[in-house]
Protein backbone atom coordinates (compact mmCIF):
# COMPACT_ATOMS: atom_id res chain seq x y z
CA LEU A 1 15.79 33.42 13.44
CA MET A 2 13.97 29.75 12.94
CA ILE A 3 13.42 28.13 16.41
CA LEU A 4 11.72 24.76 15.54
CA ALA A 5 8.57 22.94 17.93
CA THR A 6 6.01 20.53 17.27
CA THR A 7 3.47 18.61 19.55
CA ASN A 8 2.90 15.92 17.19
CA ASN A 9 3.83 12.36 16.54
CA PHE A 10 5.08 12.36 13.63
CA VAL A 11 9.13 12.97 13.87
CA LYS A 12 11.23 9.96 14.42
CA THR A 13 14.82 10.24 15.57
CA GLY A 14 17.39 12.24 15.16
CA PRO A 15 18.63 15.64 16.95
CA VAL A 16 16.60 18.34 17.96
CA GLY A 17 17.93 21.95 18.51
CA ILE A 18 17.97 25.66 17.23
CA ASP A 19 18.84 27.54 13.61
CA ALA A 20 19.86 31.35 14.26
CA THR A 21 21.02 33.75 11.41
CA LYS A 22 24.62 35.32 12.31
CA ASN A 23 24.32 37.96 15.99
CA ALA A 24 20.91 36.03 16.62
CA VAL A 25 20.57 35.96 20.77
CA VAL A 26 18.44 32.57 21.98
CA ASP A 27 17.78 32.06 25.58
CA ASN A 28 14.99 29.82 27.18
CA PHE A 29 15.12 26.41 25.03
CA ALA A 30 13.14 23.51 26.03
CA THR A 31 12.65 19.90 24.18
CA SER A 32 10.73 16.94 25.31
CA THR A 33 10.49 13.31 24.67
CA PRO A 34 6.98 12.45 22.97
CA PHE A 35 4.75 9.43 23.89
CA PHE A 36 3.36 6.97 21.57
CA THR A 37 0.34 5.49 23.36
CA SER A 38 0.14 1.78 22.09
CA THR A 39 -3.48 0.89 20.61
CA THR A 40 -6.10 -2.16 19.50
CA LEU A 41 -8.28 -2.40 17.40
CA PRO A 42 -11.33 -1.83 16.56
CA PHE A 43 -9.94 1.93 15.86
CA ALA A 44 -11.47 4.87 14.75
CA ASP A 45 -10.25 8.70 13.97
CA THR A 46 -12.23 10.95 12.50
CA PHE A 47 -8.61 13.84 11.87
CA PHE A 48 -11.35 16.17 12.93
CA ALA A 49 -8.79 17.71 15.00
CA GLY A 50 -6.12 16.46 13.66
CA PRO A 51 -4.71 12.55 13.64
CA MET A 52 -4.98 11.29 17.52
CA GLN A 53 -1.99 11.67 19.94
CA GLY A 54 0.32 9.43 20.63
CA VAL A 55 -0.80 7.12 18.20
CA TRP A 56 -0.22 7.24 15.04
CA TYR A 57 3.32 7.29 13.48
CA SER A 58 5.28 8.64 10.17
CA TYR A 59 7.54 5.93 8.70
CA GLU A 60 7.54 8.02 5.79
CA GLY A 61 6.54 11.83 4.92
CA GLY A 62 4.19 13.31 6.88
CA PHE A 63 0.73 14.41 7.40
CA ALA A 64 -0.50 18.09 8.30
CA MET A 65 -4.20 19.20 9.49
CA ALA A 66 -6.77 20.36 6.24
CA GLY A 67 -9.58 22.10 8.04
CA GLY A 68 -11.16 18.37 8.91
CA ASP A 69 -8.75 16.31 7.08
CA ILE A 70 -4.98 15.47 6.85
CA LYS A 71 -2.90 16.55 3.62
CA GLY A 72 -0.23 14.56 2.36
CA MET A 73 3.05 16.83 2.78
CA ALA A 74 5.47 14.78 0.83
CA ALA A 75 5.60 13.18 -2.46
CA LEU A 76 5.20 10.28 -0.35
CA ASN A 77 3.64 9.54 3.11
CA ILE A 78 2.97 6.31 5.45
CA MET A 79 1.27 6.55 9.08
CA THR A 80 0.86 3.54 10.69
CA LEU A 81 -1.06 3.02 13.96
CA ASN A 82 0.89 2.15 16.99
CA SER A 83 -0.66 -1.34 17.71
CA GLN A 84 0.23 -4.78 17.68
CA SER A 85 0.94 -6.21 14.42
CA THR A 86 -2.20 -8.06 12.53
CA LEU A 87 -3.05 -10.10 9.11
CA ASP A 88 -6.39 -9.72 8.87
CA ALA A 89 -7.95 -6.42 8.83
CA SER A 90 -10.24 -4.38 7.70
CA LEU A 91 -9.68 -0.76 7.00
CA THR A 92 -11.80 2.09 5.97
CA ALA A 93 -10.58 5.52 4.38
CA GLN A 94 -12.39 9.12 3.37
CA ILE A 95 -10.63 10.57 0.69
CA GLY A 96 -11.72 13.98 0.39
CA THR A 97 -9.18 14.48 -2.97
CA VAL A 98 -6.26 13.25 -5.00
CA PRO A 99 -4.25 15.19 -7.14
CA ASN A 100 -3.44 14.66 -10.57
CA ALA A 101 -1.07 11.36 -11.20
CA GLY A 102 -1.56 11.10 -7.10
CA LEU A 103 -3.11 8.84 -5.20
CA ALA A 104 -4.71 7.83 -1.92
CA GLY A 105 -5.75 4.73 0.40
CA VAL A 106 -4.65 2.38 3.18
CA ILE A 107 -2.21 0.12 3.79
CA ALA A 108 -2.16 -3.71 5.62
CA PRO A 109 0.16 -5.34 6.76
CA TYR A 110 3.05 -2.23 6.85
CA ASN A 111 6.45 -4.84 7.84
CA ALA A 112 8.48 -1.72 9.17
CA SER A 113 11.43 -3.75 8.76
CA THR A 114 11.33 -4.22 5.17
CA ALA A 115 8.86 -1.24 4.35
CA ASN A 116 6.96 -4.33 2.39
CA LEU A 117 3.12 -3.27 1.62
CA TYR A 118 -0.51 -4.22 0.66
CA TRP A 119 -2.10 -0.84 -0.75
CA ALA A 120 -5.52 -0.18 -1.67
CA GLY A 121 -7.20 3.26 -2.43
CA LEU A 122 -8.14 5.08 -5.63
CA VAL A 123 -5.47 6.84 -8.26
CA ALA A 124 -6.35 10.14 -9.85
CA THR A 125 -6.02 10.73 -13.57
CA GLN A 126 -6.73 14.25 -15.68
CA ASN A 127 -7.42 13.48 -19.40
CA SER A 128 -4.48 16.11 -20.85
CA ARG A 129 -7.80 17.30 -23.83
CA THR A 130 -10.27 17.81 -21.40
CA LYS A 131 -9.05 18.04 -17.74
CA VAL A 132 -11.47 16.00 -16.65
CA VAL A 133 -10.21 13.81 -13.49
CA THR A 134 -10.89 10.40 -13.22
CA TYR A 135 -10.38 8.25 -10.57
CA THR A 136 -9.49 4.43 -10.64
CA ALA A 137 -9.36 1.62 -7.51
CA GLN A 138 -5.90 -0.11 -7.03
CA ILE A 139 -4.63 -3.06 -4.85
CA ARG A 140 -0.87 -2.62 -4.82
CA ARG A 141 2.03 -4.52 -3.70
CA ARG A 142 5.78 -3.19 -2.34
CA ILE A 143 8.08 -5.26 -2.02
CA ASN A 144 11.97 -4.06 -1.93
CA GLY A 145 10.93 -0.33 -3.54
CA SER A 146 8.88 -2.15 -6.33
CA TRP A 147 5.30 -1.76 -7.06
CA LYS A 148 2.78 -3.82 -8.87
CA THR A 149 -0.72 -3.06 -9.22
CA LEU A 150 -2.43 -6.29 -8.79
CA TYR A 151 -5.96 -5.39 -9.19
CA SER A 152 -7.31 -2.30 -10.69
CA LYS A 153 -10.94 -0.90 -12.08
CA ALA A 154 -12.08 2.61 -12.87
CA VAL A 155 -14.64 3.85 -10.94
CA GLY A 156 -15.29 7.00 -12.23
CA THR A 157 -15.51 11.15 -11.67
CA GLN A 158 -16.24 11.24 -7.48
CA LEU A 159 -14.12 10.16 -4.69
CA GLY A 160 -15.12 8.18 -1.79
CA THR A 161 -15.09 5.38 1.02
CA VAL A 162 -12.39 3.29 0.25
CA ARG A 163 -12.67 -0.40 2.34
CA PHE A 164 -9.87 -2.87 2.00
CA ASP A 165 -10.37 -6.07 3.59
CA VAL A 166 -6.93 -8.55 4.33
CA THR A 167 -7.90 -11.67 5.13
CA GLY A 168 -5.10 -14.22 4.90
CA SER A 169 -3.65 -14.20 1.84
CA THR A 170 -7.19 -12.57 -0.07
CA LEU A 171 -7.15 -8.80 -0.53
CA LYS A 172 -11.00 -6.94 -1.62
CA VAL A 173 -10.98 -3.21 -2.20
CA SER A 174 -14.68 -1.49 -1.89
CA PHE A 175 -15.59 1.66 -2.67
CA ASN A 176 -18.24 3.51 -1.30
CA GLY A 177 -19.86 0.64 -0.06
CA ALA A 178 -19.90 -1.59 -3.21
CA VAL A 179 -17.36 -4.77 -3.63
CA LEU A 180 -15.12 -3.94 -6.28
CA GLY A 181 -12.81 -6.98 -6.68
CA THR A 182 -10.56 -9.85 -4.72
CA VAL A 183 -7.12 -10.81 -5.39
CA THR A 184 -5.51 -13.68 -3.96
CA ASP A 185 -1.75 -12.99 -3.04
CA THR A 186 0.76 -14.34 -0.96
CA THR A 187 4.15 -12.77 -1.46
CA ILE A 188 3.29 -10.73 2.23
CA SER A 189 2.83 -13.10 4.98
CA PRO A 190 4.31 -11.53 7.96
CA ALA A 191 1.73 -9.74 10.18
CA GLY A 192 2.85 -6.31 10.22
CA ALA A 193 1.25 -2.59 11.14
CA VAL A 194 -2.24 -0.86 9.41
CA GLY A 195 -2.32 2.58 8.53
CA LEU A 196 -2.76 5.05 5.49
CA LEU A 197 -0.36 5.38 2.25
CA ALA A 198 -1.04 9.16 0.37
CA SER A 199 0.82 11.61 -1.82
CA LYS A 200 1.42 15.09 -1.71
CA ASN A 201 -1.46 17.05 -1.49
CA SER A 202 -4.02 14.05 -0.51
CA LEU A 203 -6.63 14.69 1.41
CA LEU A 204 -8.60 12.17 4.17
CA GLY A 205 -11.43 12.49 6.21
CA GLY A 206 -10.96 9.81 8.71
CA PHE A 207 -9.98 6.48 9.67
CA GLU A 208 -11.30 3.45 10.84
CA ALA A 209 -9.83 -0.52 11.44
CA ILE A 210 -11.35 -3.64 12.64
């Protein structure tokens, strides 16, 4: 017998029900509609008790609680704030773990209709000989499912805090308080949502948007 019950707001449209094996007897089934609350910037979430209920929406994959962090569960995981679309934003994420060949960071603006986005964060690479994992701060763009790296700079073997400033077509990435680089790109112009994007088993310990 398997019964699914959820109190988080990452579940999107689709059927609900009960899955049971042969000859199982089930009684007292109930379901309810998840609620969403519109939020405004500035906004911050520590994830200490999981993502704040009602203000996050998952578009790809999903995140689960992992101690005082949240962990990416699918190959690629995207969740955005349930807030008004914005073009200009400053986003910060505390990154605790990025597995080899994985990534973790923030997105803005995210277009829910096209899934187009700009992303800034850390990418992990493990040396096949020494097994040492190093990290690269990057700015990427996704258009119609195709990724392009717009900026990349090695930051060493330590994780930390990534900041992504989006001002019109100007995109700036910072790491642990130091500005790393700025690029200009006009490919994505409509306003959109802000949020997080991370690969499987990446850990994030906090998010802020202003």
